[in-house]
Amino acid sequence: MVSRARLKSILTGLALYAMATAIVGYFGVNAYTGKYGLNARQELDQEIIALTSELAQLKRERARSEQRVSLLRSEKIDPDMLDERARFQLDYANPHDLVRMSGRN
């Protein structure tokens, strides 16, 4: 028959192993799913890729816009660009222009 002291020592040992297992399990789960875990790192990598491609697109768009603005500077105005912008803003067309009407209602 197992004495009370022996039973208490066995239960204490099991409790310590259970607590150690729970702590290791807690940190293991957080290492995988936590704020800085493996899943979060993958999501951050995907977000970095998406934002990098968006940045490249915005840089190209800015370069195109800067090129168009440079054509409208007073020291070197491109007559075609000035004519295009004036017609667009005033909603006019040259009588010699071919106008294509879209089918919107």
PDB file of N, CA and C in Angstrom:
ATOM      1  N   MET A   1       0.825  -1.165   0.000  1.00  0.00           N
ATOM      2  CA  MET A   1       0.000   0.000   0.000  1.00  0.00           C
ATOM      3  C   MET A   1       0.881   1.243   0.000  1.00  0.00           C
ATOM      4  N   VAL A   2       0.476   2.207  -0.798  1.00  0.00           N
ATOM      5  CA  VAL A   2       1.246   3.435  -0.949  1.00  0.00           C
ATOM      6  C   VAL A   2       0.899   4.361   0.209  1.00  0.00           C
ATOM      7  N   SER A   3       1.908   4.866   0.830  1.00  0.00           N
ATOM      8  CA  SER A   3       1.660   5.748   1.964  1.00  0.00           C
ATOM      9  C   SER A   3       1.241   7.134   1.476  1.00  0.00           C
ATOM     10  N   ARG A   4       0.689   7.900   2.390  1.00  0.00           N
ATOM     11  CA  ARG A   4       0.194   9.237   2.057  1.00  0.00           C
ATOM     12  C   ARG A   4       1.334  10.143   1.585  1.00  0.00           C
ATOM     13  N   ALA A   5       2.479  10.075   2.175  1.00  0.00           N
ATOM     14  CA  ALA A   5       3.631  10.906   1.789  1.00  0.00           C
ATOM     15  C   ALA A   5       4.102  10.546   0.391  1.00  0.00           C
ATOM     16  N   ARG A   6       4.132   9.242   0.093  1.00  0.00           N
ATOM     17  CA  ARG A   6       4.546   8.802  -1.248  1.00  0.00           C
ATOM     18  C   ARG A   6       3.551   9.281  -2.296  1.00  0.00           C
ATOM     19  N   LEU A   7       2.240   9.195  -1.993  1.00  0.00           N
ATOM     20  CA  LEU A   7       1.197   9.659  -2.910  1.00  0.00           C
ATOM     21  C   LEU A   7       1.305  11.167  -3.125  1.00  0.00           C
ATOM     22  N   LYS A   8       1.592  11.899  -2.059  1.00  0.00           N
ATOM     23  CA  LYS A   8       1.726  13.356  -2.168  1.00  0.00           C
ATOM     24  C   LYS A   8       2.929  13.719  -3.037  1.00  0.00           C
ATOM     25  N   SER A   9       4.023  13.011  -2.902  1.00  0.00           N
ATOM     26  CA  SER A   9       5.212  13.294  -3.717  1.00  0.00           C
ATOM     27  C   SER A   9       4.955  12.963  -5.196  1.00  0.00           C
ATOM     28  N   ILE A  10       4.219  11.900  -5.472  1.00  0.00           N
ATOM     29  CA  ILE A  10       3.892  11.548  -6.860  1.00  0.00           C
ATOM     30  C   ILE A  10       2.977  12.608  -7.472  1.00  0.00           C
ATOM     31  N   LEU A  11       1.958  13.026  -6.712  1.00  0.00           N
ATOM     32  CA  LEU A  11       1.029  14.052  -7.225  1.00  0.00           C
ATOM     33  C   LEU A  11       1.727  15.404  -7.413  1.00  0.00           C
ATOM     34  N   THR A  12       2.639  15.731  -6.510  1.00  0.00           N
ATOM     35  CA  THR A  12       3.402  16.981  -6.653  1.00  0.00           C
ATOM     36  C   THR A  12       4.259  16.942  -7.914  1.00  0.00           C
ATOM     37  N   GLY A  13       4.907  15.819  -8.156  1.00  0.00           N
ATOM     38  CA  GLY A  13       5.715  15.668  -9.371  1.00  0.00           C
ATOM     39  C   GLY A  13       4.870  15.774 -10.631  1.00  0.00           C
ATOM     40  N   LEU A  14       3.701  15.112 -10.608  1.00  0.00           N
ATOM     41  CA  LEU A  14       2.805  15.203 -11.773  1.00  0.00           C
ATOM     42  C   LEU A  14       2.299  16.628 -11.985  1.00  0.00           C
ATOM     43  N   ALA A  15       1.990  17.324 -10.895  1.00  0.00           N
ATOM     44  CA  ALA A  15       1.522  18.704 -11.000  1.00  0.00           C
ATOM     45  C   ALA A  15       2.606  19.597 -11.597  1.00  0.00           C
ATOM     46  N   LEU A  16       3.857  19.397 -11.167  1.00  0.00           N
ATOM     47  CA  LEU A  16       4.962  20.194 -11.722  1.00  0.00           C
ATOM     48  C   LEU A  16       5.160  19.916 -13.207  1.00  0.00           C
ATOM     49  N   TYR A  17       5.095  18.635 -13.585  1.00  0.00           N
ATOM     50  CA  TYR A  17       5.215  18.304 -15.009  1.00  0.00           C
ATOM     51  C   TYR A  17       4.048  18.884 -15.813  1.00  0.00           C
ATOM     52  N   ALA A  18       2.845  18.857 -15.249  1.00  0.00           N
ATOM     53  CA  ALA A  18       1.677  19.416 -15.934  1.00  0.00           C
ATOM     54  C   ALA A  18       1.822  20.924 -16.105  1.00  0.00           C
ATOM     55  N   MET A  19       2.316  21.604 -15.045  1.00  0.00           N
ATOM     56  CA  MET A  19       2.513  23.060 -15.146  1.00  0.00           C
ATOM     57  C   MET A  19       3.602  23.389 -16.169  1.00  0.00           C
ATOM     58  N   ALA A  20       4.679  22.612 -16.161  1.00  0.00           N
ATOM     59  CA  ALA A  20       5.759  22.843 -17.130  1.00  0.00           C
ATOM     60  C   ALA A  20       5.261  22.612 -18.548  1.00  0.00           C
ATOM     61  N   THR A  21       4.468  21.565 -18.736  1.00  0.00           N
ATOM     62  CA  THR A  21       3.897  21.290 -20.052  1.00  0.00           C
ATOM     63  C   THR A  21       2.968  22.412 -20.495  1.00  0.00           C
ATOM     64  N   ALA A  22       2.156  22.938 -19.570  1.00  0.00           N
ATOM     65  CA  ALA A  22       1.238  24.034 -19.894  1.00  0.00           C
ATOM     66  C   ALA A  22       2.006  25.294 -20.276  1.00  0.00           C
ATOM     67  N   ILE A  23       3.084  25.586 -19.552  1.00  0.00           N
ATOM     68  CA  ILE A  23       3.876  26.783 -19.857  1.00  0.00           C
ATOM     69  C   ILE A  23       4.555  26.642 -21.217  1.00  0.00           C
ATOM     70  N   VAL A  24       5.157  25.495 -21.465  1.00  0.00           N
ATOM     71  CA  VAL A  24       5.806  25.264 -22.761  1.00  0.00           C
ATOM     72  C   VAL A  24       4.763  25.315 -23.874  1.00  0.00           C
ATOM     73  N   GLY A  25       3.599  24.739 -23.649  1.00  0.00           N
ATOM     74  CA  GLY A  25       2.521  24.785 -24.634  1.00  0.00           C
ATOM     75  C   GLY A  25       2.051  26.202 -24.903  1.00  0.00           C
ATOM     76  N   TYR A  26       1.918  26.993 -23.850  1.00  0.00           N
ATOM     77  CA  TYR A  26       1.494  28.392 -23.999  1.00  0.00           C
ATOM     78  C   TYR A  26       2.478  29.158 -24.881  1.00  0.00           C
ATOM     79  N   PHE A  27       3.768  29.044 -24.550  1.00  0.00           N
ATOM     80  CA  PHE A  27       4.762  29.763 -25.343  1.00  0.00           C
ATOM     81  C   PHE A  27       4.873  29.201 -26.764  1.00  0.00           C
ATOM     82  N   GLY A  28       4.660  27.914 -26.915  1.00  0.00           N
ATOM     83  CA  GLY A  28       4.683  27.313 -28.250  1.00  0.00           C
ATOM     84  C   GLY A  28       3.548  27.827 -29.117  1.00  0.00           C
ATOM     85  N   VAL A  29       2.357  27.894 -28.541  1.00  0.00           N
ATOM     86  CA  VAL A  29       1.209  28.406 -29.295  1.00  0.00           C
ATOM     87  C   VAL A  29       1.416  29.870 -29.643  1.00  0.00           C
ATOM     88  N   ASN A  30       1.917  30.652 -28.697  1.00  0.00           N
ATOM     89  CA  ASN A  30       2.159  32.070 -28.985  1.00  0.00           C
ATOM     90  C   ASN A  30       3.280  32.270 -29.997  1.00  0.00           C
ATOM     91  N   ALA A  31       4.259  31.391 -30.007  1.00  0.00           N
ATOM     92  CA  ALA A  31       5.326  31.496 -31.007  1.00  0.00           C
ATOM     93  C   ALA A  31       4.770  31.275 -32.414  1.00  0.00           C
ATOM     94  N   TYR A  32       3.704  30.534 -32.512  1.00  0.00           N
ATOM     95  CA  TYR A  32       3.127  30.254 -33.824  1.00  0.00           C
ATOM     96  C   TYR A  32       2.043  31.265 -34.195  1.00  0.00           C
ATOM     97  N   THR A  33       1.144  31.598 -33.260  1.00  0.00           N
ATOM     98  CA  THR A  33      -0.018  32.428 -33.594  1.00  0.00           C
ATOM     99  C   THR A  33      -0.015  33.796 -32.947  1.00  0.00           C
ATOM    100  N   GLY A  34       0.969  34.127 -32.151  1.00  0.00           N
ATOM    101  CA  GLY A  34       0.973  35.391 -31.425  1.00  0.00           C
ATOM    102  C   GLY A  34       1.214  36.592 -32.322  1.00  0.00           C
ATOM    103  N   LYS A  35       1.257  37.761 -31.688  1.00  0.00           N
ATOM    104  CA  LYS A  35       1.445  39.021 -32.417  1.00  0.00           C
ATOM    105  C   LYS A  35       2.752  39.034 -33.216  1.00  0.00           C
ATOM    106  N   TYR A  36       3.781  38.412 -32.694  1.00  0.00           N
ATOM    107  CA  TYR A  36       5.074  38.355 -33.375  1.00  0.00           C
ATOM    108  C   TYR A  36       5.423  36.923 -33.788  1.00  0.00           C
ATOM    109  N   GLY A  37       4.432  36.072 -33.924  1.00  0.00           N
ATOM    110  CA  GLY A  37       4.645  34.666 -34.246  1.00  0.00           C
ATOM    111  C   GLY A  37       4.905  34.424 -35.717  1.00  0.00           C
ATOM    112  N   LEU A  38       4.966  33.141 -36.057  1.00  0.00           N
ATOM    113  CA  LEU A  38       5.261  32.753 -37.439  1.00  0.00           C
ATOM    114  C   LEU A  38       4.168  33.193 -38.410  1.00  0.00           C
ATOM    115  N   ASN A  39       2.901  33.049 -38.026  1.00  0.00           N
ATOM    116  CA  ASN A  39       1.807  33.483 -38.901  1.00  0.00           C
ATOM    117  C   ASN A  39       1.835  34.987 -39.108  1.00  0.00           C
ATOM    118  N   ALA A  40       2.108  35.729 -38.047  1.00  0.00           N
ATOM    119  CA  ALA A  40       2.166  37.186 -38.158  1.00  0.00           C
ATOM    120  C   ALA A  40       3.307  37.602 -39.083  1.00  0.00           C
ATOM    121  N   ARG A  41       4.406  36.898 -39.018  1.00  0.00           N
ATOM    122  CA  ARG A  41       5.542  37.218 -39.886  1.00  0.00           C
ATOM    123  C   ARG A  41       5.187  36.995 -41.356  1.00  0.00           C
ATOM    124  N   GLN A  42       4.482  35.909 -41.639  1.00  0.00           N
ATOM    125  CA  GLN A  42       4.055  35.655 -43.015  1.00  0.00           C
ATOM    126  C   GLN A  42       3.100  36.735 -43.496  1.00  0.00           C
ATOM    127  N   GLU A  43       2.166  37.145 -42.635  1.00  0.00           N
ATOM    128  CA  GLU A  43       1.227  38.200 -43.013  1.00  0.00           C
ATOM    129  C   GLU A  43       1.962  39.520 -43.238  1.00  0.00           C
ATOM    130  N   LEU A  44       2.954  39.818 -42.393  1.00  0.00           N
ATOM    131  CA  LEU A  44       3.745  41.037 -42.580  1.00  0.00           C
ATOM    132  C   LEU A  44       4.536  40.988 -43.885  1.00  0.00           C
ATOM    133  N   ASP A  45       5.077  39.825 -44.222  1.00  0.00           N
ATOM    134  CA  ASP A  45       5.808  39.688 -45.487  1.00  0.00           C
ATOM    135  C   ASP A  45       4.884  39.926 -46.683  1.00  0.00           C
ATOM    136  N   GLN A  46       3.670  39.394 -46.619  1.00  0.00           N
ATOM    137  CA  GLN A  46       2.705  39.619 -47.703  1.00  0.00           C
ATOM    138  C   GLN A  46       2.324  41.092 -47.794  1.00  0.00           C
ATOM    139  N   GLU A  47       2.149  41.730 -46.652  1.00  0.00           N
ATOM    140  CA  GLU A  47       1.808  43.159 -46.657  1.00  0.00           C
ATOM    141  C   GLU A  47       2.958  43.991 -47.200  1.00  0.00           C
ATOM    142  N   ILE A  48       4.186  43.593 -46.880  1.00  0.00           N
ATOM    143  CA  ILE A  48       5.355  44.299 -47.405  1.00  0.00           C
ATOM    144  C   ILE A  48       5.397  44.192 -48.926  1.00  0.00           C
ATOM    145  N   ILE A  49       5.116  43.014 -49.456  1.00  0.00           N
ATOM    146  CA  ILE A  49       5.120  42.812 -50.908  1.00  0.00           C
ATOM    147  C   ILE A  49       4.046  43.678 -51.561  1.00  0.00           C
ATOM    148  N   ALA A  50       2.839  43.692 -50.972  1.00  0.00           N
ATOM    149  CA  ALA A  50       1.745  44.479 -51.544  1.00  0.00           C
ATOM    150  C   ALA A  50       2.065  45.973 -51.504  1.00  0.00           C
ATOM    151  N   LEU A  51       2.594  46.448 -50.385  1.00  0.00           N
ATOM    152  CA  LEU A  51       2.901  47.871 -50.264  1.00  0.00           C
ATOM    153  C   LEU A  51       4.077  48.274 -51.141  1.00  0.00           C
ATOM    154  N   THR A  52       5.015  47.367 -51.351  1.00  0.00           N
ATOM    155  CA  THR A  52       6.142  47.663 -52.235  1.00  0.00           C
ATOM    156  C   THR A  52       5.670  47.821 -53.670  1.00  0.00           C
ATOM    157  N   SER A  53       4.766  46.953 -54.112  1.00  0.00           N
ATOM    158  CA  SER A  53       4.252  47.079 -55.478  1.00  0.00           C
ATOM    159  C   SER A  53       3.400  48.340 -55.612  1.00  0.00           C
ATOM    160  N   GLU A  54       2.640  48.682 -54.576  1.00  0.00           N
ATOM    161  CA  GLU A  54       1.847  49.918 -54.620  1.00  0.00           C
ATOM    162  C   GLU A  54       2.764  51.133 -54.674  1.00  0.00           C
ATOM    163  N   LEU A  55       3.866  51.094 -53.916  1.00  0.00           N
ATOM    164  CA  LEU A  55       4.824  52.194 -53.939  1.00  0.00           C
ATOM    165  C   LEU A  55       5.435  52.362 -55.322  1.00  0.00           C
ATOM    166  N   ALA A  56       5.791  51.256 -55.962  1.00  0.00           N
ATOM    167  CA  ALA A  56       6.365  51.328 -57.308  1.00  0.00           C
ATOM    168  C   ALA A  56       5.361  51.925 -58.293  1.00  0.00           C
ATOM    169  N   GLN A  57       4.092  51.522 -58.175  1.00  0.00           N
ATOM    170  CA  GLN A  57       3.063  52.071 -59.057  1.00  0.00           C
ATOM    171  C   GLN A  57       2.901  53.573 -58.817  1.00  0.00           C
ATOM    172  N   LEU A  58       2.887  53.995 -57.571  1.00  0.00           N
ATOM    173  CA  LEU A  58       2.736  55.416 -57.266  1.00  0.00           C
ATOM    174  C   LEU A  58       3.944  56.226 -57.737  1.00  0.00           C
ATOM    175  N   LYS A  59       5.135  55.634 -57.675  1.00  0.00           N
ATOM    176  CA  LYS A  59       6.323  56.333 -58.182  1.00  0.00           C
ATOM    177  C   LYS A  59       6.238  56.521 -59.685  1.00  0.00           C
ATOM    178  N   ARG A  60       5.756  55.477 -60.399  1.00  0.00           N
ATOM    179  CA  ARG A  60       5.596  55.615 -61.856  1.00  0.00           C
ATOM    180  C   ARG A  60       4.560  56.692 -62.173  1.00  0.00           C
ATOM    181  N   GLU A  61       3.449  56.680 -61.428  1.00  0.00           N
ATOM    182  CA  GLU A  61       2.400  57.676 -61.656  1.00  0.00           C
ATOM    183  C   GLU A  61       2.915  59.084 -61.379  1.00  0.00           C
ATOM    184  N   ARG A  62       3.701  59.224 -60.325  1.00  0.00           N
ATOM    185  CA  ARG A  62       4.259  60.534 -60.002  1.00  0.00           C
ATOM    186  C   ARG A  62       5.225  60.997 -61.086  1.00  0.00           C
ATOM    187  N   ALA A  63       6.033  60.084 -61.601  1.00  0.00           N
ATOM    188  CA  ALA A  63       6.976  60.447 -62.664  1.00  0.00           C
ATOM    189  C   ALA A  63       6.220  60.914 -63.910  1.00  0.00           C
ATOM    190  N   ARG A  64       5.116  60.208 -64.247  1.00  0.00           N
ATOM    191  CA  ARG A  64       4.316  60.648 -65.396  1.00  0.00           C
ATOM    192  C   ARG A  64       3.712  62.030 -65.147  1.00  0.00           C
ATOM    193  N   SER A  65       3.217  62.245 -63.939  1.00  0.00           N
ATOM    194  CA  SER A  65       2.618  63.541 -63.617  1.00  0.00           C
ATOM    195  C   SER A  65       3.660  64.647 -63.647  1.00  0.00           C
ATOM    196  N   GLU A  66       4.839  64.376 -63.103  1.00  0.00           N
ATOM    197  CA  GLU A  66       5.900  65.381 -63.128  1.00  0.00           C
ATOM    198  C   GLU A  66       6.326  65.696 -64.557  1.00  0.00           C
ATOM    199  N   GLN A  67       6.337  64.687 -65.412  1.00  0.00           N
ATOM    200  CA  GLN A  67       6.692  64.917 -66.814  1.00  0.00           C
ATOM    201  C   GLN A  67       5.647  65.795 -67.485  1.00  0.00           C
ATOM    202  N   ARG A  68       4.360  65.536 -67.194  1.00  0.00           N
ATOM    203  CA  ARG A  68       3.294  66.364 -67.783  1.00  0.00           C
ATOM    204  C   ARG A  68       3.351  67.793 -67.248  1.00  0.00           C
ATOM    205  N   VAL A  69       3.632  67.955 -65.963  1.00  0.00           N
ATOM    206  CA  VAL A  69       3.724  69.295 -65.377  1.00  0.00           C
ATOM    207  C   VAL A  69       4.914  70.036 -65.956  1.00  0.00           C
ATOM    208  N   SER A  70       6.017  69.322 -66.188  1.00  0.00           N
ATOM    209  CA  SER A  70       7.189  69.988 -66.752  1.00  0.00           C
ATOM    210  C   SER A  70       6.891  70.531 -68.146  1.00  0.00           C
ATOM    211  N   LEU A  71       5.981  69.899 -68.879  1.00  0.00           N
ATOM    212  CA  LEU A  71       5.617  70.408 -70.204  1.00  0.00           C
ATOM    213  C   LEU A  71       4.793  71.693 -70.115  1.00  0.00           C
ATOM    214  N   LEU A  72       4.196  71.964 -68.963  1.00  0.00           N
ATOM    215  CA  LEU A  72       3.381  73.170 -68.796  1.00  0.00           C
ATOM    216  C   LEU A  72       4.117  74.308 -68.092  1.00  0.00           C
ATOM    217  N   ARG A  73       5.387  74.143 -67.799  1.00  0.00           N
ATOM    218  CA  ARG A  73       6.150  75.210 -67.140  1.00  0.00           C
ATOM    219  C   ARG A  73       6.284  76.397 -68.100  1.00  0.00           C
ATOM    220  N   SER A  74       6.318  77.575 -67.508  1.00  0.00           N
ATOM    221  CA  SER A  74       6.300  78.788 -68.325  1.00  0.00           C
ATOM    222  C   SER A  74       7.546  78.950 -69.188  1.00  0.00           C
ATOM    223  N   GLU A  75       8.689  78.428 -68.753  1.00  0.00           N
ATOM    224  CA  GLU A  75       9.906  78.596 -69.548  1.00  0.00           C
ATOM    225  C   GLU A  75       9.947  77.698 -70.777  1.00  0.00           C
ATOM    226  N   LYS A  76       9.157  76.640 -70.812  1.00  0.00           N
ATOM    227  CA  LYS A  76       9.138  75.752 -71.986  1.00  0.00           C
ATOM    228  C   LYS A  76       7.758  75.120 -72.140  1.00  0.00           C
ATOM    229  N   ILE A  77       6.789  75.914 -72.502  1.00  0.00           N
ATOM    230  CA  ILE A  77       5.428  75.430 -72.675  1.00  0.00           C
ATOM    231  C   ILE A  77       5.327  74.677 -74.003  1.00  0.00           C
ATOM    232  N   ASP A  78       4.812  73.476 -73.936  1.00  0.00           N
ATOM    233  CA  ASP A  78       4.555  72.689 -75.134  1.00  0.00           C
ATOM    234  C   ASP A  78       3.197  73.129 -75.678  1.00  0.00           C
ATOM    235  N   PRO A  79       3.141  73.653 -76.886  1.00  0.00           N
ATOM    236  CA  PRO A  79       1.873  74.163 -77.421  1.00  0.00           C
ATOM    237  C   PRO A  79       0.771  73.097 -77.493  1.00  0.00           C
ATOM    238  N   ASP A  80       1.149  71.888 -77.844  1.00  0.00           N
ATOM    239  CA  ASP A  80       0.147  70.823 -77.914  1.00  0.00           C
ATOM    240  C   ASP A  80      -0.438  70.519 -76.539  1.00  0.00           C
ATOM    241  N   MET A  81       0.408  70.489 -75.524  1.00  0.00           N
ATOM    242  CA  MET A  81      -0.064  70.210 -74.171  1.00  0.00           C
ATOM    243  C   MET A  81      -0.958  71.348 -73.678  1.00  0.00           C
ATOM    244  N   LEU A  82      -0.554  72.582 -73.948  1.00  0.00           N
ATOM    245  CA  LEU A  82      -1.366  73.734 -73.541  1.00  0.00           C
ATOM    246  C   LEU A  82      -2.722  73.696 -74.235  1.00  0.00           C
ATOM    247  N   ASP A  83      -2.733  73.380 -75.507  1.00  0.00           N
ATOM    248  CA  ASP A  83      -3.981  73.296 -76.262  1.00  0.00           C
ATOM    249  C   ASP A  83      -4.875  72.188 -75.709  1.00  0.00           C
ATOM    250  N   GLU A  84      -4.281  71.035 -75.413  1.00  0.00           N
ATOM    251  CA  GLU A  84      -5.056  69.908 -74.879  1.00  0.00           C
ATOM    252  C   GLU A  84      -5.680  70.257 -73.537  1.00  0.00           C
ATOM    253  N   ARG A  85      -4.906  70.840 -72.640  1.00  0.00           N
ATOM    254  CA  ARG A  85      -5.419  71.173 -71.309  1.00  0.00           C
ATOM    255  C   ARG A  85      -6.495  72.259 -71.380  1.00  0.00           C
ATOM    256  N   ALA A  86      -6.291  73.268 -72.252  1.00  0.00           N
ATOM    257  CA  ALA A  86      -7.285  74.333 -72.378  1.00  0.00           C
ATOM    258  C   ALA A  86      -8.599  73.789 -72.923  1.00  0.00           C
ATOM    259  N   ARG A  87      -8.534  72.936 -73.921  1.00  0.00           N
ATOM    260  CA  ARG A  87      -9.758  72.343 -74.476  1.00  0.00           C
ATOM    261  C   ARG A  87     -10.467  71.460 -73.455  1.00  0.00           C
ATOM    262  N   PHE A  88      -9.687  70.704 -72.693  1.00  0.00           N
ATOM    263  CA  PHE A  88     -10.289  69.820 -71.699  1.00  0.00           C
ATOM    264  C   PHE A  88     -10.985  70.630 -70.613  1.00  0.00           C
ATOM    265  N   GLN A  89     -10.320  71.662 -70.116  1.00  0.00           N
ATOM    266  CA  GLN A  89     -10.894  72.443 -69.026  1.00  0.00           C
ATOM    267  C   GLN A  89     -12.072  73.303 -69.488  1.00  0.00           C
ATOM    268  N   LEU A  90     -12.019  73.796 -70.712  1.00  0.00           N
ATOM    269  CA  LEU A  90     -13.106  74.635 -71.219  1.00  0.00           C
ATOM    270  C   LEU A  90     -14.191  73.836 -71.922  1.00  0.00           C
ATOM    271  N   ASP A  91     -13.937  72.547 -72.125  1.00  0.00           N
ATOM    272  CA  ASP A  91     -14.882  71.643 -72.784  1.00  0.00           C
ATOM    273  C   ASP A  91     -15.199  72.104 -74.207  1.00  0.00           C
ATOM    274  N   TYR A  92     -14.143  72.454 -74.931  1.00  0.00           N
ATOM    275  CA  TYR A  92     -14.276  72.876 -76.323  1.00  0.00           C
ATOM    276  C   TYR A  92     -13.572  71.887 -77.236  1.00  0.00           C
ATOM    277  N   ALA A  93     -13.937  71.937 -78.516  1.00  0.00           N
ATOM    278  CA  ALA A  93     -13.277  71.113 -79.526  1.00  0.00           C
ATOM    279  C   ALA A  93     -13.007  71.985 -80.740  1.00  0.00           C
ATOM    280  N   ASN A  94     -11.929  71.697 -81.418  1.00  0.00           N
ATOM    281  CA  ASN A  94     -11.583  72.391 -82.647  1.00  0.00           C
ATOM    282  C   ASN A  94     -12.528  71.909 -83.746  1.00  0.00           C
ATOM    283  N   PRO A  95     -12.972  72.787 -84.625  1.00  0.00           N
ATOM    284  CA  PRO A  95     -13.873  72.350 -85.705  1.00  0.00           C
ATOM    285  C   PRO A  95     -13.264  71.265 -86.590  1.00  0.00           C
ATOM    286  N   HIS A  96     -11.955  71.171 -86.640  1.00  0.00           N
ATOM    287  CA  HIS A  96     -11.296  70.163 -87.474  1.00  0.00           C
ATOM    288  C   HIS A  96     -11.037  68.856 -86.717  1.00  0.00           C
ATOM    289  N   ASP A  97     -11.404  68.812 -85.453  1.00  0.00           N
ATOM    290  CA  ASP A  97     -11.203  67.595 -84.663  1.00  0.00           C
ATOM    291  C   ASP A  97     -12.290  66.580 -84.967  1.00  0.00           C
ATOM    292  N   LEU A  98     -11.909  65.323 -84.902  1.00  0.00           N
ATOM    293  CA  LEU A  98     -12.873  64.235 -85.026  1.00  0.00           C
ATOM    294  C   LEU A  98     -13.308  63.862 -83.615  1.00  0.00           C
ATOM    295  N   VAL A  99     -14.595  64.009 -83.317  1.00  0.00           N
ATOM    296  CA  VAL A  99     -15.124  63.774 -81.978  1.00  0.00           C
ATOM    297  C   VAL A  99     -15.860  62.455 -81.977  1.00  0.00           C
ATOM    298  N   ARG A 100     -15.528  61.629 -81.018  1.00  0.00           N
ATOM    299  CA  ARG A 100     -16.193  60.317 -80.882  1.00  0.00           C
ATOM    300  C   ARG A 100     -17.073  60.366 -79.644  1.00  0.00           C
ATOM    301  N   MET A 101     -18.353  60.139 -79.839  1.00  0.00           N
ATOM    302  CA  MET A 101     -19.302  60.183 -78.736  1.00  0.00           C
ATOM    303  C   MET A 101     -19.422  58.807 -78.120  1.00  0.00           C
ATOM    304  N   SER A 102     -19.386  58.737 -76.803  1.00  0.00           N
ATOM    305  CA  SER A 102     -19.560  57.441 -76.144  1.00  0.00           C
ATOM    306  C   SER A 102     -21.062  57.194 -75.970  1.00  0.00           C
ATOM    307  N   GLY A 103     -21.440  55.937 -75.770  1.00  0.00           N
ATOM    308  CA  GLY A 103     -22.849  55.552 -75.696  1.00  0.00           C
ATOM    309  C   GLY A 103     -23.434  55.656 -74.292  1.00  0.00           C
ATOM    310  N   ARG A 104     -22.895  56.484 -73.425  1.00  0.00           N
ATOM    311  CA  ARG A 104     -23.456  56.618 -72.070  1.00  0.00           C
ATOM    312  C   ARG A 104     -24.700  57.476 -72.093  1.00  0.00           C
ATOM    313  N   ASN A 105     -25.640  57.145 -71.217  1.00  0.00           N
ATOM    314  CA  ASN A 105     -26.862  57.952 -71.091  1.00  0.00           C
ATOM    315  C   ASN A 105     -26.923  58.602 -69.756  1.00  0.00           C
TER     316      ASN A 105
END
